[in-house]
Protein backbone atom coordinates (compact mmCIF):
# COMPACT_ATOMS: atom_id res chain seq x y z
CA UNK A 1 -31.03 25.75 -12.92
CA UNK A 2 -32.70 23.54 -10.31
CA UNK A 3 -35.74 23.11 -12.62
CA UNK A 4 -33.47 22.16 -15.53
CA UNK A 5 -31.62 19.64 -13.39
CA UNK A 6 -34.91 18.19 -12.20
CA UNK A 7 -36.21 17.83 -15.77
CA UNK A 8 -32.98 16.22 -16.94
CA UNK A 9 -32.97 13.84 -14.00
CA UNK A 10 -36.60 12.93 -14.54
CA UNK A 11 -35.92 12.35 -18.24
CA UNK A 12 -32.99 10.07 -17.48
CA UNK A 13 -34.98 8.11 -14.91
CA UNK A 14 -38.00 7.74 -17.21
CA UNK A 15 -35.75 6.73 -20.08
CA UNK A 16 -34.04 4.16 -17.91
CA UNK A 17 -37.39 2.82 -16.72
CA UNK A 18 -38.61 2.43 -20.30
CA UNK A 19 -35.37 0.69 -21.27
CA UNK A 20 -35.51 -1.80 -18.42
CA UNK A 21 -39.25 -2.41 -18.98
CA UNK A 22 -38.51 -3.37 -22.59
CA UNK A 23 -35.42 -5.32 -21.54
CA UNK A 24 -37.25 -7.50 -19.04
CA UNK A 25 -40.35 -7.84 -21.24
CA UNK A 26 -38.47 -9.83 -23.88
CA UNK A 27 -36.06 -11.58 -21.53
CA UNK A 28 -36.77 -15.16 -20.52
CA UNK A 29 -37.54 -15.66 -16.79
CA UNK A 30 -34.54 -17.91 -16.16
CA UNK A 31 -32.22 -15.34 -17.68
CA UNK A 32 -33.72 -12.65 -15.48
CA UNK A 33 -33.02 -14.79 -12.42
CA UNK A 34 -29.41 -15.31 -13.49
CA UNK A 35 -28.94 -11.59 -14.21
CA UNK A 36 -30.38 -10.63 -10.83
CA UNK A 37 -28.24 -13.26 -9.11
CA UNK A 38 -25.06 -11.97 -10.74
CA UNK A 39 -26.00 -8.38 -9.86
CA UNK A 40 -26.58 -9.35 -6.22
CA UNK A 41 -23.19 -11.10 -6.07
CA UNK A 42 -21.37 -8.13 -7.61
CA UNK A 43 -23.07 -5.62 -5.30
CA UNK A 44 -22.35 -7.86 -2.31
CA UNK A 45 -18.66 -7.99 -3.21
CA UNK A 46 -18.50 -4.22 -3.66
CA UNK A 47 -20.32 -3.65 -0.37
CA UNK A 48 -18.19 -6.21 1.44
CA UNK A 49 -14.98 -4.56 0.26
CA UNK A 50 -15.95 -1.11 1.49
CA UNK A 51 -14.12 1.16 2.11
CA UNK A 52 -11.56 -0.46 -0.20
CA UNK A 53 -13.79 -0.26 -3.27
CA UNK A 54 -14.59 3.39 -2.58
CA UNK A 55 -10.91 4.22 -2.13
CA UNK A 56 -9.99 2.47 -5.38
CA UNK A 57 -12.62 4.50 -7.24
CA UNK A 58 -11.44 7.70 -5.58
CA UNK A 59 -7.85 6.96 -6.59
CA UNK A 60 -8.77 6.27 -10.21
CA UNK A 61 -10.82 9.47 -10.46
CA UNK A 62 -7.98 11.45 -8.85
CA UNK A 63 -5.30 9.94 -11.08
CA UNK A 64 -7.04 10.18 -14.44
CA UNK A 65 -9.15 13.31 -14.12
CA UNK A 66 -7.20 15.54 -11.74
CA UNK A 67 -4.70 18.30 -12.58
CA UNK A 68 -1.78 16.53 -10.87
CA UNK A 69 0.89 15.36 -13.30
CA UNK A 70 3.13 12.42 -12.54
CA UNK A 71 6.88 12.55 -12.91
CA UNK A 72 7.81 9.05 -14.03
CA UNK A 73 11.39 7.89 -14.05
CA UNK A 74 13.86 5.13 -13.33
CA UNK A 75 17.42 4.44 -12.29
CA UNK A 76 19.73 1.59 -13.18
CA UNK A 77 21.62 0.10 -10.26
CA UNK A 78 23.42 -3.21 -9.84
CA UNK A 79 21.84 -4.70 -12.93
CA UNK A 80 18.26 -3.67 -12.07
CA UNK A 81 15.94 -1.09 -13.58
CA UNK A 82 14.21 0.62 -10.61
CA UNK A 83 10.97 2.39 -11.45
CA UNK A 84 9.54 5.34 -9.53
CA UNK A 85 6.73 7.90 -9.76
CA UNK A 86 6.61 11.32 -8.11
CA UNK A 87 3.47 13.41 -7.62
CA UNK A 88 3.07 16.99 -6.51
CA UNK A 89 5.44 19.50 -4.95
CA UNK A 90 6.47 20.43 -1.46
CA UNK A 91 8.15 18.59 1.37
CA UNK A 92 9.04 15.07 0.14
CA UNK A 93 7.29 11.97 1.42
CA UNK A 94 8.47 8.53 0.32
CA UNK A 95 6.07 5.56 0.28
CA UNK A 96 7.54 2.04 0.29
CA UNK A 97 5.23 -0.92 -0.36
CA UNK A 98 5.34 -4.43 1.11
CA UNK A 99 6.75 -7.62 -0.30
CA UNK A 100 4.91 -9.28 -3.21
CA UNK A 101 2.93 -6.12 -3.91
CA UNK A 102 3.67 -2.89 -5.79
CA UNK A 103 3.34 0.87 -5.50
CA UNK A 104 -0.39 0.73 -6.36
CA UNK A 105 -1.03 -0.66 -2.86
CA UNK A 106 -0.96 2.97 -1.62
CA UNK A 107 -4.18 3.89 -3.48
CA UNK A 108 -5.89 4.90 -0.22
CA UNK A 109 -3.10 7.28 0.78
CA UNK A 110 -1.65 8.92 -2.34
CA UNK A 111 -4.51 11.30 -3.31
CA UNK A 112 -4.92 13.03 0.04
CA UNK A 113 -1.18 13.16 0.73
CA UNK A 114 -0.54 14.90 -2.61
CA UNK A 115 -3.52 17.22 -2.16
CA UNK A 116 -2.14 18.19 1.27
CA UNK A 117 0.83 19.81 -0.46
CA UNK A 118 3.47 17.08 -0.24
CA UNK A 119 5.71 15.66 -2.95
CA UNK A 120 4.86 11.96 -2.83
CA UNK A 121 7.37 9.48 -4.22
CA UNK A 122 6.44 5.87 -4.96
CA UNK A 123 9.01 3.20 -5.77
CA UNK A 124 8.48 -0.31 -7.12
CA UNK A 125 10.87 -2.45 -5.09
CA UNK A 126 13.46 -4.44 -7.06
CA UNK A 127 11.73 -7.38 -8.75
CA UNK A 128 8.25 -5.90 -8.12
CA UNK A 129 5.95 -3.81 -10.28
CA UNK A 130 7.84 -2.18 -13.14
CA UNK A 131 11.23 -2.70 -11.49
CA UNK A 132 13.38 -5.55 -12.72
CA UNK A 133 15.18 -8.05 -10.53
CA UNK A 134 18.73 -7.42 -11.66
CA UNK A 135 21.76 -9.54 -10.84
CA UNK A 136 21.91 -9.05 -7.08
CA UNK A 137 20.31 -11.36 -4.57
CA UNK A 138 17.24 -9.76 -2.99
CA UNK A 139 18.03 -8.37 0.44
CA UNK A 140 16.67 -5.52 2.51
CA UNK A 141 20.05 -3.86 2.21
CA UNK A 142 19.93 -3.81 -1.59
CA UNK A 143 16.35 -2.49 -1.44
CA UNK A 144 17.59 0.36 0.78
CA UNK A 145 20.46 1.10 -1.61
CA UNK A 146 18.03 1.22 -4.54
CA UNK A 147 15.90 3.68 -2.60
CA UNK A 148 18.83 6.02 -1.95
CA UNK A 149 19.69 5.94 -5.65
CA UNK A 150 16.15 7.09 -6.50
CA UNK A 151 16.34 9.91 -3.94
CA UNK A 152 19.67 10.98 -5.44
CA UNK A 153 18.15 10.99 -8.91
CA UNK A 154 15.32 13.24 -7.71
CA UNK A 155 17.71 15.52 -5.81
CA UNK A 156 16.02 14.78 -2.49
CA UNK A 157 18.42 15.14 0.43
CA UNK A 158 15.99 14.39 3.25
CA UNK A 159 12.49 12.91 3.40
CA UNK A 160 9.77 11.49 5.60
CA UNK A 161 9.17 7.80 4.91
CA UNK A 162 6.04 5.66 5.23
CA UNK A 163 6.81 1.97 4.85
CA UNK A 164 4.45 -0.98 5.00
CA UNK A 165 5.76 -4.42 5.97
CA UNK A 166 8.95 -4.91 3.91
CA UNK A 167 8.76 -1.20 3.12
CA UNK A 168 8.79 -0.47 6.85
CA UNK A 169 11.89 -2.60 7.25
CA UNK A 170 13.59 -0.67 4.45
CA UNK A 171 12.62 2.60 6.18
CA UNK A 172 14.18 1.42 9.44
CA UNK A 173 17.39 0.43 7.65
CA UNK A 174 17.56 3.86 6.03
CA UNK A 175 17.08 5.41 9.45
CA UNK A 176 19.96 3.27 10.70
CA UNK A 177 22.46 3.58 7.85
CA UNK A 178 21.51 6.93 6.29
CA UNK A 179 20.12 9.01 9.19
CA UNK A 180 20.93 12.29 7.46
CA UNK A 181 18.48 11.35 4.67
CA UNK A 182 15.51 10.57 6.93
CA UNK A 183 13.24 13.02 8.77
CA UNK A 184 10.43 10.89 10.22
CA UNK A 185 9.48 7.24 9.82
CA UNK A 186 6.07 5.57 9.84
CA UNK A 187 6.72 1.82 10.04
CA UNK A 188 3.52 -0.14 9.43
CA UNK A 189 3.46 -3.85 10.28
CA UNK A 190 7.25 -4.03 10.18
CA UNK A 191 9.50 -6.43 12.08
CA UNK A 192 13.17 -5.95 12.95
CA UNK A 193 13.87 -9.68 13.26
CA UNK A 194 12.25 -12.84 11.77
CA UNK A 195 11.17 -13.88 15.28
CA UNK A 196 8.62 -11.08 15.22
CA UNK A 197 6.47 -12.81 12.60
CA UNK A 198 3.56 -14.92 13.85
CA UNK A 199 3.21 -18.08 11.79
CA UNK A 200 -0.49 -18.50 12.58
CA UNK A 201 -2.63 -15.40 13.00
CA UNK A 202 -6.32 -15.38 13.82
CA UNK A 203 -9.26 -15.34 11.42
CA UNK A 204 -9.18 -11.56 10.99
CA UNK A 205 -5.58 -11.73 9.82
CA UNK A 206 -6.37 -14.60 7.49
CA UNK A 207 -9.26 -12.61 6.03
CA UNK A 208 -7.18 -9.45 5.59
CA UNK A 209 -4.27 -11.20 3.95
CA UNK A 210 -6.43 -13.74 2.15
CA UNK A 211 -8.62 -11.09 0.58
CA UNK A 212 -5.53 -9.76 -1.15
CA UNK A 213 -3.48 -12.83 -1.93
CA UNK A 214 -4.68 -16.28 -0.99
CA UNK A 215 -8.13 -16.22 -2.60
CA UNK A 216 -6.86 -14.72 -5.83
CA UNK A 217 -5.88 -16.83 -8.77
CA UNK A 218 -2.22 -17.13 -9.69
CA UNK A 219 -2.52 -14.60 -12.51
CA UNK A 220 -4.08 -12.04 -10.19
CA UNK A 221 -1.35 -12.58 -7.61
CA UNK A 222 1.24 -12.15 -10.34
CA UNK A 223 -0.47 -8.87 -11.30
CA UNK A 224 -0.45 -7.69 -7.67
CA UNK A 225 3.29 -8.23 -7.34
CA UNK A 226 3.86 -6.96 -10.87
CA UNK A 227 6.23 -9.85 -11.54
CA UNK A 228 4.02 -11.48 -14.18
CA UNK A 229 5.30 -14.89 -15.25
CA UNK A 230 8.22 -14.50 -12.83
CA UNK A 231 5.95 -14.27 -9.80
CA UNK A 232 6.57 -17.82 -8.61
CA UNK A 233 10.33 -17.27 -8.52
CA UNK A 234 9.90 -13.91 -6.80
CA UNK A 235 7.56 -15.40 -4.20
CA UNK A 236 10.06 -18.16 -3.42
CA UNK A 237 12.91 -15.69 -3.03
CA UNK A 238 10.91 -13.27 -0.89
CA UNK A 239 9.67 -16.09 1.36
CA UNK A 240 13.27 -17.20 1.88
CA UNK A 241 14.18 -13.61 2.77
CA UNK A 242 11.38 -13.41 5.34
CA UNK A 243 12.77 -16.47 7.13
CA UNK A 244 16.25 -15.02 7.65
CA UNK A 245 15.92 -11.24 7.67
CA UNK A 246 15.99 -8.58 8.90
CA UNK A 247 18.57 -9.03 11.62
CA UNK A 248 18.49 -5.76 13.53
CA UNK A 249 19.70 -5.87 17.11
CA UNK A 250 18.70 -3.68 20.03
CA UNK A 251 21.91 -1.72 19.47
CA UNK A 252 20.83 -1.10 15.88
CA UNK A 253 17.41 0.08 16.98
CA UNK A 254 18.91 2.41 19.60
CA UNK A 255 20.89 4.04 16.80
CA UNK A 256 17.77 5.02 14.83
CA UNK A 257 17.25 8.63 15.89
CA UNK A 258 14.47 9.70 13.52
CA UNK A 259 11.06 10.10 15.22
CA UNK A 260 9.33 6.82 14.44
CA UNK A 261 5.67 5.87 14.54
CA UNK A 262 5.29 2.09 14.80
CA UNK A 263 1.85 0.97 13.60
CA UNK A 264 0.57 -2.59 13.94
CA UNK A 265 -2.81 -4.25 13.53
CA UNK A 266 -4.48 -5.83 16.53
CA UNK A 267 -4.60 -9.11 14.59
CA UNK A 268 -1.40 -8.58 12.65
CA UNK A 269 1.05 -11.30 11.63
CA UNK A 270 3.64 -9.13 13.40
CA UNK A 271 3.67 -9.93 17.12
CA UNK A 272 2.36 -7.08 19.27
CA UNK A 273 5.10 -7.60 21.82
CA UNK A 274 7.69 -7.39 19.04
CA UNK A 275 6.17 -4.09 17.88
CA UNK A 276 6.23 -2.74 21.45
CA UNK A 277 9.94 -3.54 21.68
CA UNK A 278 10.56 -1.81 18.35
CA UNK A 279 8.76 1.35 19.51
CA UNK A 280 10.61 1.31 22.85
CA UNK A 281 14.08 0.67 21.46
CA UNK A 282 14.26 3.28 18.68
CA UNK A 283 15.38 6.61 20.10
CA UNK A 284 12.09 8.45 19.51
CA UNK A 285 9.52 5.72 19.04
CA UNK A 286 5.82 5.54 19.65
CA UNK A 287 3.35 2.67 19.16
CA UNK A 288 -0.18 2.72 17.75
CA UNK A 289 -2.33 -0.42 17.50
CA UNK A 290 -5.21 -0.36 15.01
CA UNK A 291 -8.18 -2.33 16.45
CA UNK A 292 -9.37 -5.34 14.39
CA UNK A 293 -6.77 -4.69 11.69
CA UNK A 294 -4.53 -7.41 10.31
CA UNK A 295 -1.38 -7.06 8.22
CA UNK A 296 -3.09 -5.09 5.44
CA UNK A 297 -4.09 -1.95 7.36
CA UNK A 298 -3.19 0.51 4.54
CA UNK A 299 -5.94 -1.15 2.50
CA UNK A 300 -8.44 -2.60 4.97
CA UNK A 301 -8.25 0.12 7.65
CA UNK A 302 -7.14 3.10 5.60
CA UNK A 303 -9.23 5.68 7.46
CA UNK A 304 -7.74 4.78 10.83
CA UNK A 305 -4.21 4.63 9.46
CA UNK A 306 -4.54 7.89 7.55
CA UNK A 307 -5.56 9.70 10.73
CA UNK A 308 -2.46 8.41 12.51
CA UNK A 309 -0.26 9.48 9.61
CA UNK A 310 -1.91 12.91 9.50
CA UNK A 311 -1.24 13.59 13.17
CA UNK A 312 2.30 12.18 13.28
CA UNK A 313 3.51 13.96 10.15
CA UNK A 314 1.44 17.07 10.85
CA UNK A 315 -0.39 16.84 7.54
CA UNK A 316 -3.86 18.29 7.12
CA UNK A 317 -6.19 15.53 5.92
């Protein structure tokens, strides 16, 4: 078997060498330089985006070649069509994405969480991804109501929740208003009041956020939010929401009894002091700061975050 593999490998390598020898023999020098330059740029981008690029590839292989089947569904609530996907079986775990993104932002978490034996539920927030906007004004309260409707549809009475940014805010509101439906909360880069958002973060934050949004063209940003040609309107509405909400008080936070892991990046756009208060004020809170991370830790610092999630939720990674 080893000899066969060696022969096949040698044949492939020799064949490739012969192909490239012929390719470069008849290719003009200036074209070779351009081809090499493009290759260097592409490889540099892939290398620079590690481990993101590796995690994306791992997710695609897992999704399209693995035995796990997705349960895809939707609910209609207050004029909106809310899309969700559920993978696997076992104790439920709900993942809620951030504003102006979609459920695909969890590509570094979904495979290992499902393989650990959990039922993982992903929801596209109202107006994002495959979910429509509906008639209601976008608020964190309506997002939380949508989420409960999805859980009802799936027959899930109680679940752990991992929420990133806006998703973390939704998780906190569920812990406040529907405590019987929530087991544990992981709130990543979430604020409980608009005052917790830093208007100007340092260069690491700008890189982390910019690598996802600011340096992308408008069409790519529209793809990331899933809003398509309605992205501009969605962005305006979400930005207005960020300026006035959420409005949770210390009394509200004291009423959240679910064990809560508050995660924030060292260079996050969420103030570290604000995150400390959040962790102190919820009944069973704990704070973890991810070194050198910005606001996009689930993507840029997935390994560190996944370890924290594994320990807190007692999930074998």
